[in-house]
PDB file of N, CA and C in Angstrom:
ATOM      1  N   UNK A   1     -10.107   6.926   0.405  1.00  0.00           N
ATOM      2  CA  UNK A   1     -10.974   6.842  -0.278  1.00  0.00           C
ATOM      3  C   UNK A   1     -11.735   6.486  -1.948  1.00  0.00           C
ATOM      4  N   UNK A   2     -10.782   7.371  -2.893  1.00  0.00           N
ATOM      5  CA  UNK A   2     -10.567   6.731  -3.922  1.00  0.00           C
ATOM      6  C   UNK A   2     -10.085   5.588  -4.882  1.00  0.00           C
ATOM      7  N   UNK A   3      -9.165   5.312  -3.961  1.00  0.00           N
ATOM      8  CA  UNK A   3      -8.152   4.217  -4.004  1.00  0.00           C
ATOM      9  C   UNK A   3      -9.120   3.279  -3.842  1.00  0.00           C
ATOM     10  N   UNK A   4      -9.866   3.081  -2.487  1.00  0.00           N
ATOM     11  CA  UNK A   4     -11.257   2.259  -2.031  1.00  0.00           C
ATOM     12  C   UNK A   4     -12.579   2.008  -3.639  1.00  0.00           C
ATOM     13  N   UNK A   5     -12.499   2.916  -4.171  1.00  0.00           N
ATOM     14  CA  UNK A   5     -13.904   3.557  -5.464  1.00  0.00           C
ATOM     15  C   UNK A   5     -13.050   2.608  -6.547  1.00  0.00           C
ATOM     16  N   UNK A   6     -11.602   2.123  -6.928  1.00  0.00           N
ATOM     17  CA  UNK A   6     -10.917   2.185  -7.614  1.00  0.00           C
ATOM     18  C   UNK A   6     -10.791   1.031  -7.930  1.00  0.00           C
ATOM     19  N   UNK A   7     -10.460   0.650  -6.354  1.00  0.00           N
ATOM     20  CA  UNK A   7      -9.973  -1.109  -6.103  1.00  0.00           C
ATOM     21  C   UNK A   7     -11.674  -1.957  -6.410  1.00  0.00           C
ATOM     22  N   UNK A   8     -12.584  -1.711  -6.175  1.00  0.00           N
ATOM     23  CA  UNK A   8     -13.931  -2.173  -5.712  1.00  0.00           C
ATOM     24  C   UNK A   8     -14.632  -2.432  -7.149  1.00  0.00           C
ATOM     25  N   UNK A   9     -14.519  -1.338  -8.010  1.00  0.00           N
ATOM     26  CA  UNK A   9     -13.809  -0.827  -9.285  1.00  0.00           C
ATOM     27  C   UNK A   9     -13.124  -2.210 -10.892  1.00  0.00           C
ATOM     28  N   UNK A  10     -11.959  -2.785  -9.699  1.00  0.00           N
ATOM     29  CA  UNK A  10     -11.188  -3.352 -10.444  1.00  0.00           C
ATOM     30  C   UNK A  10     -12.163  -4.908 -10.128  1.00  0.00           C
ATOM     31  N   UNK A  11     -12.290  -5.263  -9.253  1.00  0.00           N
ATOM     32  CA  UNK A  11     -12.738  -6.285  -8.377  1.00  0.00           C
ATOM     33  C   UNK A  11     -13.798  -7.012  -9.677  1.00  0.00           C
ATOM     34  N   UNK A  12     -15.117  -5.656  -9.693  1.00  0.00           N
ATOM     35  CA  UNK A  12     -16.489  -5.994 -10.566  1.00  0.00           C
ATOM     36  C   UNK A  12     -16.135  -6.471 -11.792  1.00  0.00           C
ATOM     37  N   UNK A  13     -14.519  -5.530 -12.426  1.00  0.00           N
ATOM     38  CA  UNK A  13     -14.503  -6.201 -13.854  1.00  0.00           C
ATOM     39  C   UNK A  13     -13.813  -7.509 -13.496  1.00  0.00           C
ATOM     40  N   UNK A  14     -12.796  -8.436 -12.603  1.00  0.00           N
ATOM     41  CA  UNK A  14     -11.853  -9.024 -12.711  1.00  0.00           C
ATOM     42  C   UNK A  14     -13.374 -10.117 -12.462  1.00  0.00           C
ATOM     43  N   UNK A  15     -14.119 -10.192 -11.591  1.00  0.00           N
ATOM     44  CA  UNK A  15     -15.314 -10.793 -11.445  1.00  0.00           C
ATOM     45  C   UNK A  15     -16.257 -10.645 -12.421  1.00  0.00           C
ATOM     46  N   UNK A  16     -16.414  -9.892 -13.460  1.00  0.00           N
ATOM     47  CA  UNK A  16     -17.358 -10.213 -14.262  1.00  0.00           C
ATOM     48  C   UNK A  16     -16.798 -10.621 -15.258  1.00  0.00           C
ATOM     49  N   UNK A  17     -15.230 -10.641 -15.357  1.00  0.00           N
ATOM     50  CA  UNK A  17     -14.314 -11.146 -16.326  1.00  0.00           C
ATOM     51  C   UNK A  17     -14.799 -12.916 -16.533  1.00  0.00           C
ATOM     52  N   UNK A  18     -14.446 -13.389 -14.767  1.00  0.00           N
ATOM     53  CA  UNK A  18     -14.231 -14.697 -14.925  1.00  0.00           C
ATOM     54  C   UNK A  18     -14.994 -15.359 -14.560  1.00  0.00           C
ATOM     55  N   UNK A  19     -16.400 -14.933 -14.595  1.00  0.00           N
ATOM     56  CA  UNK A  19     -17.833 -16.126 -15.118  1.00  0.00           C
ATOM     57  C   UNK A  19     -18.259 -15.877 -16.354  1.00  0.00           C
ATOM     58  N   UNK A  20     -17.691 -15.528 -17.100  1.00  0.00           N
ATOM     59  CA  UNK A  20     -17.462 -15.374 -18.772  1.00  0.00           C
ATOM     60  C   UNK A  20     -16.617 -16.830 -19.047  1.00  0.00           C
ATOM     61  N   UNK A  21     -15.688 -16.975 -17.837  1.00  0.00           N
ATOM     62  CA  UNK A  21     -14.479 -18.337 -18.498  1.00  0.00           C
ATOM     63  C   UNK A  21     -14.848 -19.366 -17.476  1.00  0.00           C
ATOM     64  N   UNK A  22     -14.215 -20.864 -18.621  1.00  0.00           N
ATOM     65  CA  UNK A  22     -15.031 -21.728 -18.388  1.00  0.00           C
ATOM     66  C   UNK A  22     -14.320 -21.985 -17.359  1.00  0.00           C
ATOM     67  N   UNK A  23     -15.141 -22.881 -16.092  1.00  0.00           N
ATOM     68  CA  UNK A  23     -14.059 -22.988 -14.096  1.00  0.00           C
ATOM     69  C   UNK A  23     -13.151 -23.180 -14.726  1.00  0.00           C
ATOM     70  N   UNK A  24     -12.899 -24.703 -15.178  1.00  0.00           N
ATOM     71  CA  UNK A  24     -11.044 -24.890 -15.073  1.00  0.00           C
ATOM     72  C   UNK A  24     -10.308 -23.825 -15.332  1.00  0.00           C
ATOM     73  N   UNK A  25     -10.479 -23.047 -16.219  1.00  0.00           N
ATOM     74  CA  UNK A  25      -9.234 -22.008 -16.488  1.00  0.00           C
ATOM     75  C   UNK A  25      -9.730 -21.019 -15.350  1.00  0.00           C
ATOM     76  N   UNK A  26     -10.977 -20.450 -14.790  1.00  0.00           N
ATOM     77  CA  UNK A  26     -10.836 -19.770 -13.494  1.00  0.00           C
ATOM     78  C   UNK A  26     -10.415 -19.864 -12.338  1.00  0.00           C
ATOM     79  N   UNK A  27     -10.148 -21.691 -12.477  1.00  0.00           N
ATOM     80  CA  UNK A  27      -9.675 -21.986 -11.440  1.00  0.00           C
ATOM     81  C   UNK A  27      -8.078 -22.196 -11.456  1.00  0.00           C
ATOM     82  N   UNK A  28      -6.747 -22.246 -12.346  1.00  0.00           N
ATOM     83  CA  UNK A  28      -6.183 -22.461 -12.651  1.00  0.00           C
ATOM     84  C   UNK A  28      -5.553 -21.362 -12.284  1.00  0.00           C
ATOM     85  N   UNK A  29      -6.024 -20.201 -12.441  1.00  0.00           N
ATOM     86  CA  UNK A  29      -5.731 -17.906 -12.754  1.00  0.00           C
ATOM     87  C   UNK A  29      -6.063 -18.210 -11.259  1.00  0.00           C
ATOM     88  N   UNK A  30      -6.596 -18.387 -10.560  1.00  0.00           N
ATOM     89  CA  UNK A  30      -6.399 -18.219  -9.371  1.00  0.00           C
ATOM     90  C   UNK A  30      -5.615 -19.185  -8.193  1.00  0.00           C
ATOM     91  N   UNK A  31      -5.501 -20.415  -9.351  1.00  0.00           N
ATOM     92  CA  UNK A  31      -4.182 -20.930  -8.699  1.00  0.00           C
ATOM     93  C   UNK A  31      -2.939 -20.592  -8.123  1.00  0.00           C
ATOM     94  N   UNK A  32      -2.636 -20.398  -9.803  1.00  0.00           N
ATOM     95  CA  UNK A  32      -1.352 -19.294  -9.975  1.00  0.00           C
ATOM     96  C   UNK A  32      -1.501 -17.998  -9.168  1.00  0.00           C
ATOM     97  N   UNK A  33      -2.586 -17.844  -9.119  1.00  0.00           N
ATOM     98  CA  UNK A  33      -2.317 -16.074  -8.222  1.00  0.00           C
ATOM     99  C   UNK A  33      -2.104 -16.572  -7.114  1.00  0.00           C
ATOM    100  N   UNK A  34      -2.750 -17.544  -6.521  1.00  0.00           N
ATOM    101  CA  UNK A  34      -2.167 -18.039  -4.650  1.00  0.00           C
ATOM    102  C   UNK A  34      -0.854 -18.227  -4.825  1.00  0.00           C
ATOM    103  N   UNK A  35      -0.699 -19.682  -5.983  1.00  0.00           N
ATOM    104  CA  UNK A  35       0.923 -19.875  -5.361  1.00  0.00           C
ATOM    105  C   UNK A  35       1.709 -18.348  -5.515  1.00  0.00           C
ATOM    106  N   UNK A  36       1.672 -17.576  -6.691  1.00  0.00           N
ATOM    107  CA  UNK A  36       2.128 -16.173  -6.614  1.00  0.00           C
ATOM    108  C   UNK A  36       2.407 -15.486  -5.261  1.00  0.00           C
ATOM    109  N   UNK A  37       0.970 -15.648  -4.414  1.00  0.00           N
ATOM    110  CA  UNK A  37       1.165 -13.994  -3.770  1.00  0.00           C
ATOM    111  C   UNK A  37       1.075 -14.846  -2.410  1.00  0.00           C
ATOM    112  N   UNK A  38       2.322 -16.888  -2.251  1.00  0.00           N
ATOM    113  CA  UNK A  38       2.296 -17.951  -1.429  1.00  0.00           C
ATOM    114  C   UNK A  38       3.821 -17.090  -1.385  1.00  0.00           C
ATOM    115  N   UNK A  39       4.696 -17.606  -2.601  1.00  0.00           N
ATOM    116  CA  UNK A  39       6.146 -16.894  -3.072  1.00  0.00           C
ATOM    117  C   UNK A  39       5.970 -15.714  -2.950  1.00  0.00           C
ATOM    118  N   UNK A  40       5.756 -15.202  -2.573  1.00  0.00           N
ATOM    119  CA  UNK A  40       5.971 -13.278  -2.221  1.00  0.00           C
ATOM    120  C   UNK A  40       5.875 -12.912  -1.175  1.00  0.00           C
ATOM    121  N   UNK A  41       5.492 -13.596  -0.949  1.00  0.00           N
ATOM    122  CA  UNK A  41       4.901 -13.272   0.658  1.00  0.00           C
ATOM    123  C   UNK A  41       5.874 -14.520   1.571  1.00  0.00           C
ATOM    124  N   UNK A  42       6.775 -15.644   1.327  1.00  0.00           N
ATOM    125  CA  UNK A  42       7.407 -16.432   1.765  1.00  0.00           C
ATOM    126  C   UNK A  42       9.232 -15.851   2.209  1.00  0.00           C
ATOM    127  N   UNK A  43       8.837 -15.107   0.462  1.00  0.00           N
ATOM    128  CA  UNK A  43      10.582 -13.841   0.329  1.00  0.00           C
ATOM    129  C   UNK A  43      10.513 -13.448   0.306  1.00  0.00           C
ATOM    130  N   UNK A  44       9.593 -12.022   0.891  1.00  0.00           N
ATOM    131  CA  UNK A  44       9.567 -11.635   1.538  1.00  0.00           C
ATOM    132  C   UNK A  44       9.414 -11.330   3.487  1.00  0.00           C
ATOM    133  N   UNK A  45       9.135 -12.703   3.925  1.00  0.00           N
ATOM    134  CA  UNK A  45       9.214 -13.068   4.897  1.00  0.00           C
ATOM    135  C   UNK A  45      10.949 -12.784   5.523  1.00  0.00           C
ATOM    136  N   UNK A  46      11.289 -13.904   4.465  1.00  0.00           N
ATOM    137  CA  UNK A  46      13.268 -14.284   5.025  1.00  0.00           C
ATOM    138  C   UNK A  46      13.589 -13.475   4.120  1.00  0.00           C
ATOM    139  N   UNK A  47      13.420 -12.125   3.840  1.00  0.00           N
ATOM    140  CA  UNK A  47      14.010 -10.904   3.462  1.00  0.00           C
ATOM    141  C   UNK A  47      13.906 -10.037   4.435  1.00  0.00           C
ATOM    142  N   UNK A  48      13.129 -10.160   5.006  1.00  0.00           N
ATOM    143  CA  UNK A  48      13.320  -9.482   6.173  1.00  0.00           C
ATOM    144  C   UNK A  48      13.418  -9.367   7.317  1.00  0.00           C
ATOM    145  N   UNK A  49      13.216 -11.216   7.568  1.00  0.00           N
ATOM    146  CA  UNK A  49      14.789 -12.063   8.554  1.00  0.00           C
ATOM    147  C   UNK A  49      16.435 -11.607   8.287  1.00  0.00           C
ATOM    148  N   UNK A  50      16.394 -11.487   7.881  1.00  0.00           N
ATOM    149  CA  UNK A  50      17.798 -11.627   6.780  1.00  0.00           C
ATOM    150  C   UNK A  50      18.192 -10.669   7.623  1.00  0.00           C
ATOM    151  N   UNK A  51      17.797  -8.918   7.764  1.00  0.00           N
ATOM    152  CA  UNK A  51      18.253  -8.013   7.503  1.00  0.00           C
ATOM    153  C   UNK A  51      17.842  -7.694   8.554  1.00  0.00           C
ATOM    154  N   UNK A  52      17.578  -7.872  10.291  1.00  0.00           N
ATOM    155  CA  UNK A  52      17.400  -8.257  11.870  1.00  0.00           C
ATOM    156  C   UNK A  52      18.487  -8.724  11.891  1.00  0.00           C
TER     157      UNK A  52
END
């Protein structure tokens, strides 16, 4: 439960910060985070496949 509260608080902080940024900057940051998550997911998927 504490984890959920902390996650919601961080979400509020990040959304509040994103509101004050220009839209192109926010979109660029969102694209960078998405690319990082996709890269991490693909890397984990292939690493898991090699172990088996």
